[in-house]
């Protein structure tokens, strides 16, 4: 496909009130696209919208994507109100800490609702809009945990592996009319660790628990990640891994798919000794 044209149309970005989504909003505004921004945090979303309004037209939608009926209404509204949509970025995501046996069915389904079902619902409503504008583009954010599946992340990995498969299938179906990119961010400096839910069955968290340790591993700047995603859209890249924390585990999983957790543990210990 020819490079993506940022000169016209509307970009829809979910999870736009912080992290990668916020930075995507800033960079897309600089490129001249009108924006439709989605998030559940009304106050932060208002601040992001105000910051980009001087550069472009922006519409905000406050919706909790975990609410299935509300998500369906949002999808219908976006399709009706933005028939000029040429770029859809499903960025919103949530995390949950806890082993499978500690996670309730409701907690597991909450992760799937936001990370997977909302992505499918928005695509169902907006793919026809994208198809009506040949040369449009779709971006779905999977994760490092759509490449590897560590202990304690059964719900999150399930959702992100599913997003990966869903997106790869869409890529084959939509070619050559619509470009499709699946993104696998590694340790991006966002608030996802701090906002992650702990399974209710987990014992009280001690100081410096796993969430704190995970948060310290998130070092890749969100603005750089957003720039890489924009570049991938422009160049029609089918797959984007962001950071060595994604590319190295991906390589290990390819080389030793049945034993990569042991290899990653050894690598982590070696790196820790060098600090």
C-alpha atoms as a PDB file:
ATOM      1  CA  UNK A   1       0.000   0.000   0.000  1.00  0.00           C
ATOM      2  CA  UNK A   2       1.020   3.598  -0.447  1.00  0.00           C
ATOM      3  CA  UNK A   3       2.050   5.523   2.693  1.00  0.00           C
ATOM      4  CA  UNK A   4      -0.806   6.578   4.940  1.00  0.00           C
ATOM      5  CA  UNK A   5      -2.114  10.088   4.247  1.00  0.00           C
ATOM      6  CA  UNK A   6      -2.436  12.114   7.459  1.00  0.00           C
ATOM      7  CA  UNK A   7      -3.793  15.111   5.598  1.00  0.00           C
ATOM      8  CA  UNK A   8      -7.510  14.432   5.994  1.00  0.00           C
ATOM      9  CA  UNK A   9     -10.056  12.422   7.921  1.00  0.00           C
ATOM     10  CA  UNK A  10     -10.598  11.621  11.590  1.00  0.00           C
ATOM     11  CA  UNK A  11      -8.521   9.432  13.880  1.00  0.00           C
ATOM     12  CA  UNK A  12     -10.302   7.584  16.700  1.00  0.00           C
ATOM     13  CA  UNK A  13      -8.106   6.752  19.694  1.00  0.00           C
ATOM     14  CA  UNK A  14      -9.248   4.836  22.767  1.00  0.00           C
ATOM     15  CA  UNK A  15      -7.486   5.113  26.111  1.00  0.00           C
ATOM     16  CA  UNK A  16      -6.567   8.677  25.162  1.00  0.00           C
ATOM     17  CA  UNK A  17      -6.426  10.226  28.639  1.00  0.00           C
ATOM     18  CA  UNK A  18      -2.928   9.028  29.458  1.00  0.00           C
ATOM     19  CA  UNK A  19       0.094   6.993  28.464  1.00  0.00           C
ATOM     20  CA  UNK A  20       0.503   5.987  24.827  1.00  0.00           C
ATOM     21  CA  UNK A  21      -3.016   7.125  23.926  1.00  0.00           C
ATOM     22  CA  UNK A  22      -2.390  10.656  25.167  1.00  0.00           C
ATOM     23  CA  UNK A  23       0.868  10.882  23.258  1.00  0.00           C
ATOM     24  CA  UNK A  24      -0.813   9.536  20.125  1.00  0.00           C
ATOM     25  CA  UNK A  25      -3.391  12.319  20.388  1.00  0.00           C
ATOM     26  CA  UNK A  26      -0.650  14.955  20.490  1.00  0.00           C
ATOM     27  CA  UNK A  27       1.220  13.532  17.513  1.00  0.00           C
ATOM     28  CA  UNK A  28      -1.858  12.969  15.389  1.00  0.00           C
ATOM     29  CA  UNK A  29      -2.982  16.529  16.060  1.00  0.00           C
ATOM     30  CA  UNK A  30       0.393  17.731  14.818  1.00  0.00           C
ATOM     31  CA  UNK A  31      -0.190  15.767  11.613  1.00  0.00           C
ATOM     32  CA  UNK A  32      -3.520  17.502  11.011  1.00  0.00           C
ATOM     33  CA  UNK A  33      -6.040  14.720  11.577  1.00  0.00           C
ATOM     34  CA  UNK A  34      -9.282  15.530  13.384  1.00  0.00           C
ATOM     35  CA  UNK A  35      -9.571  13.505  16.599  1.00  0.00           C
ATOM     36  CA  UNK A  36     -12.236  11.504  18.396  1.00  0.00           C
ATOM     37  CA  UNK A  37     -10.818  10.594  21.805  1.00  0.00           C
ATOM     38  CA  UNK A  38     -12.226   7.942  24.137  1.00  0.00           C
ATOM     39  CA  UNK A  39     -11.515   7.264  27.797  1.00  0.00           C
ATOM     40  CA  UNK A  40     -13.336   6.577  31.074  1.00  0.00           C
ATOM     41  CA  UNK A  41     -11.438   9.333  32.952  1.00  0.00           C
ATOM     42  CA  UNK A  42     -13.410  12.487  32.141  1.00  0.00           C
ATOM     43  CA  UNK A  43     -11.079  14.966  33.834  1.00  0.00           C
ATOM     44  CA  UNK A  44      -7.871  13.719  32.221  1.00  0.00           C
ATOM     45  CA  UNK A  45      -9.586  13.339  28.860  1.00  0.00           C
ATOM     46  CA  UNK A  46     -10.747  16.966  29.037  1.00  0.00           C
ATOM     47  CA  UNK A  47      -7.155  18.080  29.666  1.00  0.00           C
ATOM     48  CA  UNK A  48      -5.845  16.142  26.667  1.00  0.00           C
ATOM     49  CA  UNK A  49      -8.636  17.458  24.439  1.00  0.00           C
ATOM     50  CA  UNK A  50      -7.930  21.030  25.547  1.00  0.00           C
ATOM     51  CA  UNK A  51      -4.230  20.587  24.763  1.00  0.00           C
ATOM     52  CA  UNK A  52      -4.878  19.530  21.153  1.00  0.00           C
ATOM     53  CA  UNK A  53      -7.872  21.741  20.388  1.00  0.00           C
ATOM     54  CA  UNK A  54      -5.659  24.610  19.220  1.00  0.00           C
ATOM     55  CA  UNK A  55      -4.246  22.359  16.501  1.00  0.00           C
ATOM     56  CA  UNK A  56      -7.252  20.379  15.303  1.00  0.00           C
ATOM     57  CA  UNK A  57     -10.911  19.526  15.744  1.00  0.00           C
ATOM     58  CA  UNK A  58     -11.476  17.167  18.670  1.00  0.00           C
ATOM     59  CA  UNK A  59     -14.475  15.326  20.084  1.00  0.00           C
ATOM     60  CA  UNK A  60     -14.376  13.528  23.437  1.00  0.00           C
ATOM     61  CA  UNK A  61     -16.319  10.437  24.504  1.00  0.00           C
ATOM     62  CA  UNK A  62     -16.325   9.402  28.149  1.00  0.00           C
ATOM     63  CA  UNK A  63     -17.111   5.683  28.274  1.00  0.00           C
ATOM     64  CA  UNK A  64     -16.146   2.734  30.442  1.00  0.00           C
ATOM     65  CA  UNK A  65     -15.309   0.076  27.867  1.00  0.00           C
ATOM     66  CA  UNK A  66     -15.914  -2.640  30.454  1.00  0.00           C
ATOM     67  CA  UNK A  67     -19.630  -1.820  30.165  1.00  0.00           C
ATOM     68  CA  UNK A  68     -20.724  -3.877  27.152  1.00  0.00           C
ATOM     69  CA  UNK A  69     -23.936  -1.990  26.305  1.00  0.00           C
ATOM     70  CA  UNK A  70     -22.198   1.377  26.764  1.00  0.00           C
ATOM     71  CA  UNK A  71     -19.367   0.225  24.505  1.00  0.00           C
ATOM     72  CA  UNK A  72     -21.853  -0.858  21.842  1.00  0.00           C
ATOM     73  CA  UNK A  73     -23.552   2.552  21.982  1.00  0.00           C
ATOM     74  CA  UNK A  74     -20.169   4.258  21.727  1.00  0.00           C
ATOM     75  CA  UNK A  75     -19.253   2.210  18.666  1.00  0.00           C
ATOM     76  CA  UNK A  76     -22.519   3.082  16.942  1.00  0.00           C
ATOM     77  CA  UNK A  77     -22.097   6.775  17.797  1.00  0.00           C
ATOM     78  CA  UNK A  78     -18.537   6.862  16.493  1.00  0.00           C
ATOM     79  CA  UNK A  79     -19.546   5.254  13.205  1.00  0.00           C
ATOM     80  CA  UNK A  80     -22.490   7.642  12.774  1.00  0.00           C
ATOM     81  CA  UNK A  81     -20.736  10.831  13.840  1.00  0.00           C
ATOM     82  CA  UNK A  82     -17.372  10.227  12.138  1.00  0.00           C
ATOM     83  CA  UNK A  83     -18.094   8.802   8.671  1.00  0.00           C
ATOM     84  CA  UNK A  84     -14.764  10.316   7.603  1.00  0.00           C
ATOM     85  CA  UNK A  85     -12.762   8.064   9.975  1.00  0.00           C
ATOM     86  CA  UNK A  86      -9.568   6.929   8.284  1.00  0.00           C
ATOM     87  CA  UNK A  87      -7.615   5.742  11.330  1.00  0.00           C
ATOM     88  CA  UNK A  88      -8.813   3.649  14.276  1.00  0.00           C
ATOM     89  CA  UNK A  89      -6.400   2.960  17.141  1.00  0.00           C
ATOM     90  CA  UNK A  90      -7.673   0.556  19.795  1.00  0.00           C
ATOM     91  CA  UNK A  91      -5.239   1.448  22.561  1.00  0.00           C
ATOM     92  CA  UNK A  92      -7.285   1.178  25.778  1.00  0.00           C
ATOM     93  CA  UNK A  93      -6.299  -1.624  28.133  1.00  0.00           C
ATOM     94  CA  UNK A  94      -6.400  -2.763  31.749  1.00  0.00           C
ATOM     95  CA  UNK A  95      -4.277  -5.133  33.815  1.00  0.00           C
ATOM     96  CA  UNK A  96      -5.001  -7.588  36.596  1.00  0.00           C
ATOM     97  CA  UNK A  97      -2.550  -9.204  39.012  1.00  0.00           C
ATOM     98  CA  UNK A  98      -3.151 -12.696  40.335  1.00  0.00           C
ATOM     99  CA  UNK A  99      -2.743 -16.368  39.497  1.00  0.00           C
ATOM    100  CA  UNK A 100      -5.598 -18.003  37.608  1.00  0.00           C
ATOM    101  CA  UNK A 101      -6.918 -19.760  40.710  1.00  0.00           C
ATOM    102  CA  UNK A 102      -6.949 -16.455  42.603  1.00  0.00           C
ATOM    103  CA  UNK A 103      -8.833 -14.546  39.920  1.00  0.00           C
ATOM    104  CA  UNK A 104     -12.615 -14.675  40.001  1.00  0.00           C
ATOM    105  CA  UNK A 105     -14.675 -15.207  36.862  1.00  0.00           C
ATOM    106  CA  UNK A 106     -15.910 -11.614  37.121  1.00  0.00           C
ATOM    107  CA  UNK A 107     -12.368 -10.240  37.363  1.00  0.00           C
ATOM    108  CA  UNK A 108     -11.207 -12.361  34.413  1.00  0.00           C
ATOM    109  CA  UNK A 109     -14.171 -11.239  32.301  1.00  0.00           C
ATOM    110  CA  UNK A 110     -13.494  -7.582  33.171  1.00  0.00           C
ATOM    111  CA  UNK A 111     -10.061  -7.830  31.552  1.00  0.00           C
ATOM    112  CA  UNK A 112     -11.507  -9.536  28.475  1.00  0.00           C
ATOM    113  CA  UNK A 113     -14.278  -6.931  28.228  1.00  0.00           C
ATOM    114  CA  UNK A 114     -11.872  -3.988  27.997  1.00  0.00           C
ATOM    115  CA  UNK A 115      -8.896  -5.508  26.213  1.00  0.00           C
ATOM    116  CA  UNK A 116     -10.645  -7.813  23.750  1.00  0.00           C
ATOM    117  CA  UNK A 117     -14.418  -7.381  23.499  1.00  0.00           C
ATOM    118  CA  UNK A 118     -14.257  -3.579  23.234  1.00  0.00           C
ATOM    119  CA  UNK A 119     -11.689  -3.880  20.453  1.00  0.00           C
ATOM    120  CA  UNK A 120     -13.920  -6.317  18.569  1.00  0.00           C
ATOM    121  CA  UNK A 121     -17.018  -4.165  19.117  1.00  0.00           C
ATOM    122  CA  UNK A 122     -15.344  -1.013  17.820  1.00  0.00           C
ATOM    123  CA  UNK A 123     -13.903  -2.849  14.836  1.00  0.00           C
ATOM    124  CA  UNK A 124     -17.309  -4.326  14.006  1.00  0.00           C
ATOM    125  CA  UNK A 125     -18.824  -0.842  13.829  1.00  0.00           C
ATOM    126  CA  UNK A 126     -15.915   1.002  12.243  1.00  0.00           C
ATOM    127  CA  UNK A 127     -14.300  -1.425   9.803  1.00  0.00           C
ATOM    128  CA  UNK A 128     -17.082  -0.676   7.257  1.00  0.00           C
ATOM    129  CA  UNK A 129     -16.284   3.029   7.670  1.00  0.00           C
ATOM    130  CA  UNK A 130     -12.587   2.357   7.110  1.00  0.00           C
ATOM    131  CA  UNK A 131     -13.387   0.223   4.062  1.00  0.00           C
ATOM    132  CA  UNK A 132     -15.355   3.115   2.579  1.00  0.00           C
ATOM    133  CA  UNK A 133     -12.091   5.093   2.496  1.00  0.00           C
ATOM    134  CA  UNK A 134      -9.498   2.933   0.698  1.00  0.00           C
ATOM    135  CA  UNK A 135      -6.100   3.667   2.189  1.00  0.00           C
ATOM    136  CA  UNK A 136      -7.410   3.850   5.757  1.00  0.00           C
ATOM    137  CA  UNK A 137      -5.630   2.124   8.619  1.00  0.00           C
ATOM    138  CA  UNK A 138      -6.430   0.089  11.740  1.00  0.00           C
ATOM    139  CA  UNK A 139      -4.125  -0.292  14.759  1.00  0.00           C
ATOM    140  CA  UNK A 140      -4.816  -2.723  17.603  1.00  0.00           C
ATOM    141  CA  UNK A 141      -2.523  -2.762  20.615  1.00  0.00           C
ATOM    142  CA  UNK A 142      -1.616  -6.200  21.837  1.00  0.00           C
ATOM    143  CA  UNK A 143       1.286  -6.406  24.298  1.00  0.00           C
ATOM    144  CA  UNK A 144       4.546  -8.051  25.205  1.00  0.00           C
ATOM    145  CA  UNK A 145       2.142 -10.501  26.863  1.00  0.00           C
ATOM    146  CA  UNK A 146       0.679 -11.224  23.445  1.00  0.00           C
ATOM    147  CA  UNK A 147       4.103 -12.721  22.652  1.00  0.00           C
ATOM    148  CA  UNK A 148       4.878 -14.464  25.942  1.00  0.00           C
ATOM    149  CA  UNK A 149       2.647 -15.514  28.824  1.00  0.00           C
ATOM    150  CA  UNK A 150       4.214 -15.270  32.300  1.00  0.00           C
ATOM    151  CA  UNK A 151       2.765 -16.623  35.516  1.00  0.00           C
ATOM    152  CA  UNK A 152       0.218 -14.387  37.198  1.00  0.00           C
ATOM    153  CA  UNK A 153      -1.020 -12.915  33.917  1.00  0.00           C
ATOM    154  CA  UNK A 154      -3.481 -15.516  32.624  1.00  0.00           C
ATOM    155  CA  UNK A 155      -6.317 -13.034  32.063  1.00  0.00           C
ATOM    156  CA  UNK A 156      -4.148 -10.313  30.529  1.00  0.00           C
ATOM    157  CA  UNK A 157      -2.206 -12.711  28.299  1.00  0.00           C
ATOM    158  CA  UNK A 158      -5.440 -14.364  27.157  1.00  0.00           C
ATOM    159  CA  UNK A 159      -6.809 -10.993  26.082  1.00  0.00           C
ATOM    160  CA  UNK A 160      -3.639  -9.845  24.357  1.00  0.00           C
ATOM    161  CA  UNK A 161      -2.963 -13.112  22.521  1.00  0.00           C
ATOM    162  CA  UNK A 162      -6.559 -12.912  21.303  1.00  0.00           C
ATOM    163  CA  UNK A 163      -6.067  -9.327  20.090  1.00  0.00           C
ATOM    164  CA  UNK A 164      -2.993 -10.473  18.222  1.00  0.00           C
ATOM    165  CA  UNK A 165      -4.847 -13.297  16.445  1.00  0.00           C
ATOM    166  CA  UNK A 166      -7.898 -11.148  15.747  1.00  0.00           C
ATOM    167  CA  UNK A 167      -5.752  -8.411  14.211  1.00  0.00           C
ATOM    168  CA  UNK A 168      -3.706 -10.769  12.064  1.00  0.00           C
ATOM    169  CA  UNK A 169      -6.893 -12.293  10.670  1.00  0.00           C
ATOM    170  CA  UNK A 170      -8.313  -8.835   9.942  1.00  0.00           C
ATOM    171  CA  UNK A 171      -5.107  -7.914   8.150  1.00  0.00           C
ATOM    172  CA  UNK A 172      -5.638 -10.749   5.691  1.00  0.00           C
ATOM    173  CA  UNK A 173      -9.324  -9.923   5.242  1.00  0.00           C
ATOM    174  CA  UNK A 174      -8.953  -6.181   4.760  1.00  0.00           C
ATOM    175  CA  UNK A 175      -5.973  -6.144   2.386  1.00  0.00           C
ATOM    176  CA  UNK A 176      -5.423  -4.254   0.179  1.00  0.00           C
ATOM    177  CA  UNK A 177      -8.086  -1.676   1.051  1.00  0.00           C
ATOM    178  CA  UNK A 178      -7.207  -1.059   4.713  1.00  0.00           C
ATOM    179  CA  UNK A 179      -3.792  -1.276   6.340  1.00  0.00           C
ATOM    180  CA  UNK A 180      -3.627  -3.147   9.657  1.00  0.00           C
ATOM    181  CA  UNK A 181      -0.939  -3.027  12.348  1.00  0.00           C
ATOM    182  CA  UNK A 182      -0.704  -5.050  15.552  1.00  0.00           C
ATOM    183  CA  UNK A 183       1.493  -3.422  18.194  1.00  0.00           C
ATOM    184  CA  UNK A 184       3.375  -5.238  20.949  1.00  0.00           C
ATOM    185  CA  UNK A 185       4.696  -2.659  23.439  1.00  0.00           C
ATOM    186  CA  UNK A 186       7.267  -3.801  25.973  1.00  0.00           C
ATOM    187  CA  UNK A 187       7.943  -1.924  29.198  1.00  0.00           C
ATOM    188  CA  UNK A 188       6.361   1.427  28.332  1.00  0.00           C
ATOM    189  CA  UNK A 189       6.405   4.138  31.003  1.00  0.00           C
ATOM    190  CA  UNK A 190       2.646   4.435  31.579  1.00  0.00           C
ATOM    191  CA  UNK A 191       0.340   4.122  34.577  1.00  0.00           C
ATOM    192  CA  UNK A 192      -0.867   0.621  33.723  1.00  0.00           C
ATOM    193  CA  UNK A 193       1.034  -1.031  36.577  1.00  0.00           C
ATOM    194  CA  UNK A 194      -0.140   1.513  39.156  1.00  0.00           C
ATOM    195  CA  UNK A 195      -3.726   1.256  37.936  1.00  0.00           C
ATOM    196  CA  UNK A 196      -3.700  -2.543  37.719  1.00  0.00           C
ATOM    197  CA  UNK A 197      -6.264  -4.348  39.822  1.00  0.00           C
ATOM    198  CA  UNK A 198      -5.223  -6.975  42.312  1.00  0.00           C
ATOM    199  CA  UNK A 199      -7.373 -10.078  42.425  1.00  0.00           C
ATOM    200  CA  UNK A 200      -9.630  -9.897  45.486  1.00  0.00           C
ATOM    201  CA  UNK A 201      -8.387 -13.309  46.621  1.00  0.00           C
ATOM    202  CA  UNK A 202      -4.783 -12.113  46.836  1.00  0.00           C
ATOM    203  CA  UNK A 203      -3.421 -11.604  50.368  1.00  0.00           C
ATOM    204  CA  UNK A 204      -2.726  -7.988  51.419  1.00  0.00           C
ATOM    205  CA  UNK A 205       0.152  -6.555  49.430  1.00  0.00           C
ATOM    206  CA  UNK A 206       3.417  -6.004  51.318  1.00  0.00           C
ATOM    207  CA  UNK A 207       5.517  -2.943  50.642  1.00  0.00           C
ATOM    208  CA  UNK A 208       7.469  -3.344  47.417  1.00  0.00           C
ATOM    209  CA  UNK A 209       5.184  -6.078  46.077  1.00  0.00           C
ATOM    210  CA  UNK A 210       4.991  -7.348  42.498  1.00  0.00           C
ATOM    211  CA  UNK A 211       3.180  -4.274  41.199  1.00  0.00           C
ATOM    212  CA  UNK A 212       5.989  -2.028  42.450  1.00  0.00           C
ATOM    213  CA  UNK A 213       8.575  -4.299  40.860  1.00  0.00           C
ATOM    214  CA  UNK A 214       6.639  -4.359  37.598  1.00  0.00           C
ATOM    215  CA  UNK A 215       6.289  -0.569  37.597  1.00  0.00           C
ATOM    216  CA  UNK A 216      10.071  -0.187  37.897  1.00  0.00           C
ATOM    217  CA  UNK A 217      10.509  -2.200  34.697  1.00  0.00           C
ATOM    218  CA  UNK A 218       8.424   0.274  32.694  1.00  0.00           C
ATOM    219  CA  UNK A 219      11.119   2.576  31.367  1.00  0.00           C
ATOM    220  CA  UNK A 220      10.465   3.126  27.645  1.00  0.00           C
ATOM    221  CA  UNK A 221       9.048   6.660  27.152  1.00  0.00           C
ATOM    222  CA  UNK A 222       5.409   6.745  26.048  1.00  0.00           C
ATOM    223  CA  UNK A 223       6.074   9.623  23.636  1.00  0.00           C
ATOM    224  CA  UNK A 224       8.691   7.561  21.799  1.00  0.00           C
ATOM    225  CA  UNK A 225       6.285   4.632  21.636  1.00  0.00           C
ATOM    226  CA  UNK A 226       3.620   6.876  20.110  1.00  0.00           C
ATOM    227  CA  UNK A 227       6.084   8.185  17.531  1.00  0.00           C
ATOM    228  CA  UNK A 228       6.975   4.620  16.558  1.00  0.00           C
ATOM    229  CA  UNK A 229       3.298   3.721  16.145  1.00  0.00           C
ATOM    230  CA  UNK A 230       2.672   6.766  13.937  1.00  0.00           C
ATOM    231  CA  UNK A 231       5.672   5.811  11.815  1.00  0.00           C
ATOM    232  CA  UNK A 232       4.396   2.229  11.548  1.00  0.00           C
ATOM    233  CA  UNK A 233       1.024   3.511  10.345  1.00  0.00           C
ATOM    234  CA  UNK A 234       2.662   5.742   7.754  1.00  0.00           C
ATOM    235  CA  UNK A 235       4.818   2.892   6.481  1.00  0.00           C
ATOM    236  CA  UNK A 236       1.995   0.312   6.685  1.00  0.00           C
ATOM    237  CA  UNK A 237       3.961  -2.006   8.931  1.00  0.00           C
ATOM    238  CA  UNK A 238       1.949  -5.132   9.764  1.00  0.00           C
ATOM    239  CA  UNK A 239       3.632  -5.692  13.135  1.00  0.00           C
ATOM    240  CA  UNK A 240       5.464  -3.434  15.560  1.00  0.00           C
ATOM    241  CA  UNK A 241       7.467  -4.486  18.611  1.00  0.00           C
ATOM    242  CA  UNK A 242       8.409  -1.576  20.856  1.00  0.00           C
ATOM    243  CA  UNK A 243      11.592  -1.791  22.915  1.00  0.00           C
ATOM    244  CA  UNK A 244      14.124  -4.498  23.660  1.00  0.00           C
ATOM    245  CA  UNK A 245      11.789  -5.675  26.425  1.00  0.00           C
ATOM    246  CA  UNK A 246       9.477  -6.865  23.641  1.00  0.00           C
ATOM    247  CA  UNK A 247      11.939  -7.905  20.937  1.00  0.00           C
ATOM    248  CA  UNK A 248      14.215  -9.999  23.179  1.00  0.00           C
ATOM    249  CA  UNK A 249      11.407 -12.068  24.757  1.00  0.00           C
ATOM    250  CA  UNK A 250       9.880 -12.507  21.295  1.00  0.00           C
ATOM    251  CA  UNK A 251      13.171 -13.887  20.020  1.00  0.00           C
ATOM    252  CA  UNK A 252      13.507 -16.253  22.973  1.00  0.00           C
ATOM    253  CA  UNK A 253       9.932 -17.468  22.540  1.00  0.00           C
ATOM    254  CA  UNK A 254      10.678 -18.244  18.899  1.00  0.00           C
ATOM    255  CA  UNK A 255      13.931 -20.058  19.674  1.00  0.00           C
ATOM    256  CA  UNK A 256      12.682 -22.027  22.662  1.00  0.00           C
ATOM    257  CA  UNK A 257       8.883 -21.822  22.765  1.00  0.00           C
ATOM    258  CA  UNK A 258       8.526 -24.467  25.476  1.00  0.00           C
ATOM    259  CA  UNK A 259      11.208 -23.139  27.802  1.00  0.00           C
ATOM    260  CA  UNK A 260      11.408 -19.368  27.356  1.00  0.00           C
ATOM    261  CA  UNK A 261      10.281 -18.586  30.957  1.00  0.00           C
ATOM    262  CA  UNK A 262      13.465 -20.214  32.265  1.00  0.00           C
ATOM    263  CA  UNK A 263      15.598 -18.381  29.695  1.00  0.00           C
ATOM    264  CA  UNK A 264      13.971 -15.041  30.554  1.00  0.00           C
ATOM    265  CA  UNK A 265      14.504 -15.669  34.268  1.00  0.00           C
ATOM    266  CA  UNK A 266      18.199 -16.342  33.665  1.00  0.00           C
ATOM    267  CA  UNK A 267      18.517 -13.222  31.508  1.00  0.00           C
ATOM    268  CA  UNK A 268      16.820 -11.114  34.180  1.00  0.00           C
ATOM    269  CA  UNK A 269      19.203 -12.382  36.872  1.00  0.00           C
ATOM    270  CA  UNK A 270      22.228 -11.661  34.694  1.00  0.00           C
ATOM    271  CA  UNK A 271      21.055  -8.125  33.959  1.00  0.00           C
ATOM    272  CA  UNK A 272      20.290  -7.503  37.623  1.00  0.00           C
ATOM    273  CA  UNK A 273      23.821  -8.450  38.616  1.00  0.00           C
ATOM    274  CA  UNK A 274      25.193  -5.899  36.163  1.00  0.00           C
ATOM    275  CA  UNK A 275      23.300  -2.985  37.726  1.00  0.00           C
END
